[in-house]
N, C-alpha and C. Protein backbone atom coordinates (compact mmCIF):
# COMPACT_ATOMS: atom_id res chain seq x y z
N LYS A 1 -15.21 28.81 30.01
CA LYS A 1 -15.18 30.03 29.24
C LYS A 1 -16.60 30.55 29.12
N TYR A 2 -16.68 31.86 29.05
CA TYR A 2 -18.00 32.51 28.98
C TYR A 2 -18.22 33.04 27.57
N PHE A 3 -19.44 32.84 27.05
CA PHE A 3 -19.76 33.28 25.71
C PHE A 3 -20.96 34.21 25.76
N GLY A 4 -21.03 35.12 24.79
CA GLY A 4 -22.21 35.97 24.60
C GLY A 4 -22.53 36.82 25.81
N ALA A 5 -23.83 36.76 26.23
CA ALA A 5 -24.34 37.61 27.30
C ALA A 5 -23.76 37.22 28.66
N ALA A 6 -23.24 36.01 28.80
CA ALA A 6 -22.65 35.59 30.07
C ALA A 6 -21.46 36.45 30.45
N ARG A 7 -20.81 37.05 29.46
CA ARG A 7 -19.68 37.92 29.75
C ARG A 7 -20.12 39.17 30.49
N ASP A 8 -21.37 39.57 30.35
CA ASP A 8 -21.85 40.79 30.98
C ASP A 8 -22.34 40.55 32.41
N LEU A 9 -22.32 39.34 32.88
CA LEU A 9 -22.75 39.07 34.24
C LEU A 9 -21.77 39.70 35.24
N PRO A 10 -22.26 40.07 36.44
CA PRO A 10 -21.38 40.69 37.43
C PRO A 10 -20.23 39.75 37.81
N GLY A 11 -19.04 40.29 37.84
CA GLY A 11 -17.86 39.53 38.23
C GLY A 11 -17.17 38.82 37.10
N VAL A 12 -17.87 38.57 35.98
CA VAL A 12 -17.25 37.86 34.86
C VAL A 12 -16.31 38.77 34.11
N ARG A 13 -16.73 40.02 33.92
CA ARG A 13 -15.88 40.96 33.17
C ARG A 13 -14.53 41.13 33.87
N GLU A 14 -14.53 41.14 35.21
CA GLU A 14 -13.28 41.30 35.96
C GLU A 14 -12.34 40.11 35.73
N LEU A 15 -12.90 38.95 35.47
CA LEU A 15 -12.06 37.79 35.19
C LEU A 15 -11.26 37.95 33.91
N PHE A 16 -11.85 38.66 32.93
CA PHE A 16 -11.18 38.85 31.65
C PHE A 16 -10.27 40.07 31.63
N ASP A 17 -10.54 41.03 32.51
CA ASP A 17 -9.68 42.21 32.55
C ASP A 17 -8.32 41.82 33.10
N LYS A 18 -7.30 42.28 32.45
CA LYS A 18 -5.95 41.99 32.92
C LYS A 18 -5.64 42.95 34.07
N PRO A 19 -4.99 42.46 35.08
CA PRO A 19 -4.65 43.34 36.20
C PRO A 19 -3.66 44.41 35.74
N THR A 20 -3.84 45.60 36.28
CA THR A 20 -2.93 46.68 35.91
C THR A 20 -1.58 46.42 36.56
N ALA A 21 -0.56 46.70 35.83
CA ALA A 21 0.80 46.48 36.32
C ALA A 21 1.13 47.56 37.34
N GLY A 22 1.72 47.16 38.43
CA GLY A 22 2.15 48.09 39.47
C GLY A 22 3.40 48.82 39.00
N PRO A 23 4.02 49.53 39.88
CA PRO A 23 5.25 50.22 39.49
C PRO A 23 6.32 49.21 39.06
N ALA A 24 7.06 49.57 38.05
CA ALA A 24 8.08 48.67 37.52
C ALA A 24 9.15 48.42 38.59
N LYS A 25 9.62 47.19 38.66
CA LYS A 25 10.67 46.86 39.62
C LYS A 25 11.96 47.54 39.20
N ARG A 26 12.69 47.98 40.20
CA ARG A 26 13.98 48.62 39.91
C ARG A 26 15.00 47.53 39.59
N THR A 27 15.81 47.81 38.61
CA THR A 27 16.85 46.85 38.25
C THR A 27 18.02 46.98 39.22
N ARG A 28 18.89 46.01 39.19
CA ARG A 28 20.07 46.05 40.05
C ARG A 28 20.93 47.27 39.72
N TYR A 29 21.00 47.60 38.45
CA TYR A 29 21.77 48.78 38.04
C TYR A 29 21.18 50.05 38.64
N GLU A 30 19.85 50.18 38.59
CA GLU A 30 19.22 51.38 39.13
C GLU A 30 19.42 51.50 40.64
N MET A 31 19.42 50.37 41.33
CA MET A 31 19.62 50.41 42.77
C MET A 31 21.05 50.84 43.13
N HIS A 32 22.01 50.41 42.34
CA HIS A 32 23.41 50.72 42.64
C HIS A 32 23.89 52.02 42.00
N LYS A 33 23.05 52.62 41.20
CA LYS A 33 23.45 53.84 40.49
C LYS A 33 23.75 54.98 41.47
N GLY A 34 22.98 55.09 42.54
CA GLY A 34 23.17 56.19 43.48
C GLY A 34 24.15 55.90 44.60
N VAL A 35 24.74 54.73 44.62
CA VAL A 35 25.67 54.37 45.69
C VAL A 35 27.03 54.99 45.37
N THR A 36 27.53 55.77 46.33
CA THR A 36 28.83 56.43 46.16
C THR A 36 29.88 55.73 47.03
N PRO A 37 31.14 56.07 46.85
CA PRO A 37 32.18 55.50 47.71
C PRO A 37 31.97 55.82 49.18
N ASP A 38 31.27 56.92 49.48
CA ASP A 38 30.98 57.25 50.88
C ASP A 38 30.15 56.17 51.54
N TYR A 39 29.29 55.52 50.80
CA TYR A 39 28.44 54.46 51.34
C TYR A 39 29.30 53.33 51.91
N TYR A 40 30.38 53.01 51.23
CA TYR A 40 31.25 51.93 51.66
C TYR A 40 32.32 52.40 52.65
N GLY A 41 32.38 53.71 52.92
CA GLY A 41 33.34 54.24 53.88
C GLY A 41 34.72 54.45 53.31
N TYR A 42 34.84 54.58 52.00
CA TYR A 42 36.16 54.73 51.39
C TYR A 42 36.78 56.09 51.67
N ARG A 43 35.99 57.11 51.95
CA ARG A 43 36.54 58.45 52.16
C ARG A 43 36.49 58.87 53.63
N ASP A 44 36.41 57.93 54.54
CA ASP A 44 36.34 58.27 55.95
C ASP A 44 37.64 58.88 56.47
N ASP A 45 38.74 58.56 55.85
CA ASP A 45 40.03 59.05 56.31
C ASP A 45 40.33 60.47 55.85
N ASP A 46 39.56 61.00 54.94
CA ASP A 46 39.87 62.30 54.35
C ASP A 46 39.71 63.46 55.32
N ASP A 47 38.78 63.39 56.26
CA ASP A 47 38.54 64.54 57.12
C ASP A 47 39.40 64.56 58.38
N GLY A 48 40.08 63.49 58.71
CA GLY A 48 40.99 63.45 59.85
C GLY A 48 40.32 63.13 61.18
N VAL A 49 39.01 63.11 61.23
CA VAL A 49 38.31 62.83 62.49
C VAL A 49 38.56 61.40 62.93
N LEU A 50 38.48 60.49 62.00
CA LEU A 50 38.66 59.08 62.32
C LEU A 50 40.09 58.81 62.81
N ALA A 51 41.05 59.48 62.24
CA ALA A 51 42.45 59.27 62.63
C ALA A 51 42.67 59.65 64.09
N LYS A 52 41.99 60.71 64.56
CA LYS A 52 42.13 61.15 65.94
C LYS A 52 41.62 60.07 66.89
N TYR A 53 40.47 59.49 66.59
CA TYR A 53 39.92 58.42 67.43
C TYR A 53 40.79 57.17 67.37
N GLU A 54 41.34 56.88 66.20
CA GLU A 54 42.19 55.70 66.07
C GLU A 54 43.46 55.86 66.90
N ARG A 55 44.04 57.06 66.91
CA ARG A 55 45.25 57.29 67.70
C ARG A 55 44.99 57.06 69.18
N LYS A 56 43.85 57.57 69.68
CA LYS A 56 43.52 57.39 71.09
C LYS A 56 43.33 55.91 71.42
N ALA A 57 42.58 55.21 70.60
CA ALA A 57 42.32 53.79 70.84
C ALA A 57 43.60 52.98 70.73
N GLU A 58 44.44 53.34 69.77
CA GLU A 58 45.69 52.61 69.57
C GLU A 58 46.61 52.80 70.78
N ALA A 59 46.68 54.02 71.31
CA ALA A 59 47.53 54.28 72.48
C ALA A 59 47.03 53.50 73.69
N LYS A 60 45.72 53.45 73.87
CA LYS A 60 45.13 52.72 74.99
C LYS A 60 45.44 51.23 74.90
N ILE A 61 45.26 50.67 73.72
CA ILE A 61 45.53 49.24 73.52
C ILE A 61 47.02 48.94 73.67
N ARG A 62 47.86 49.85 73.16
CA ARG A 62 49.30 49.65 73.25
C ARG A 62 49.74 49.61 74.71
N LYS A 63 49.21 50.53 75.54
CA LYS A 63 49.55 50.54 76.96
C LYS A 63 49.13 49.23 77.63
N LYS A 64 47.96 48.74 77.29
CA LYS A 64 47.46 47.51 77.87
C LYS A 64 48.35 46.32 77.49
N VAL A 65 48.71 46.25 76.22
CA VAL A 65 49.54 45.14 75.75
C VAL A 65 50.93 45.20 76.37
N ILE A 66 51.49 46.39 76.49
CA ILE A 66 52.82 46.53 77.08
C ILE A 66 52.79 46.14 78.55
N ALA A 67 51.71 46.54 79.25
CA ALA A 67 51.59 46.17 80.67
C ALA A 67 51.49 44.66 80.81
N GLU A 68 50.73 44.00 79.95
CA GLU A 68 50.63 42.54 79.98
C GLU A 68 51.98 41.90 79.69
N TRP A 69 52.72 42.46 78.77
CA TRP A 69 54.03 41.92 78.41
C TRP A 69 54.99 42.03 79.60
N HIS A 70 54.99 43.21 80.26
CA HIS A 70 55.86 43.38 81.43
C HIS A 70 55.48 42.40 82.53
N LYS A 71 54.20 42.17 82.72
CA LYS A 71 53.73 41.23 83.74
C LYS A 71 54.23 39.82 83.42
N GLN A 72 54.16 39.44 82.16
CA GLN A 72 54.64 38.11 81.75
C GLN A 72 56.15 38.00 81.95
N GLN A 73 56.86 39.08 81.64
CA GLN A 73 58.32 39.06 81.81
C GLN A 73 58.69 38.90 83.28
N GLU A 74 57.95 39.59 84.16
CA GLU A 74 58.21 39.48 85.59
C GLU A 74 57.95 38.05 86.07
N GLN A 75 56.85 37.44 85.56
CA GLN A 75 56.54 36.06 85.95
C GLN A 75 57.61 35.09 85.48
N ARG A 76 58.14 35.33 84.30
CA ARG A 76 59.21 34.46 83.77
C ARG A 76 60.48 34.58 84.61
N GLU A 77 60.81 35.85 84.98
CA GLU A 77 62.02 36.08 85.77
C GLU A 77 61.89 35.45 87.15
N GLU A 78 60.68 35.51 87.74
CA GLU A 78 60.46 34.89 89.03
C GLU A 78 60.57 33.38 88.92
N GLY A 79 60.11 32.84 87.81
CA GLY A 79 60.14 31.39 87.62
C GLY A 79 61.55 30.87 87.39
N THR A 80 62.40 31.61 86.72
CA THR A 80 63.76 31.15 86.45
C THR A 80 64.68 31.39 87.64
N SER A 81 64.41 32.42 88.48
CA SER A 81 65.28 32.69 89.61
C SER A 81 64.94 31.84 90.83
N ALA A 82 63.77 31.23 90.82
CA ALA A 82 63.37 30.43 91.98
C ALA A 82 63.89 29.02 91.93
């Protein structure tokens, strides 16, 4: 510890000065305050754009699955008739 005139020496005063606090940390509440349902994608179905893409993808996948099913059925029929 420094007493008397030793406190006035260069660098000693800075040891006693408390550091200034930076910006306050945001709380969890403050971070989530501005989050809307749009952030989580809850309203993506409202505009109809997503439904159009889903229909196209669903039709493509359905055709693929049906083609695979028909192929399997043909293989089964060939296996039982042989």
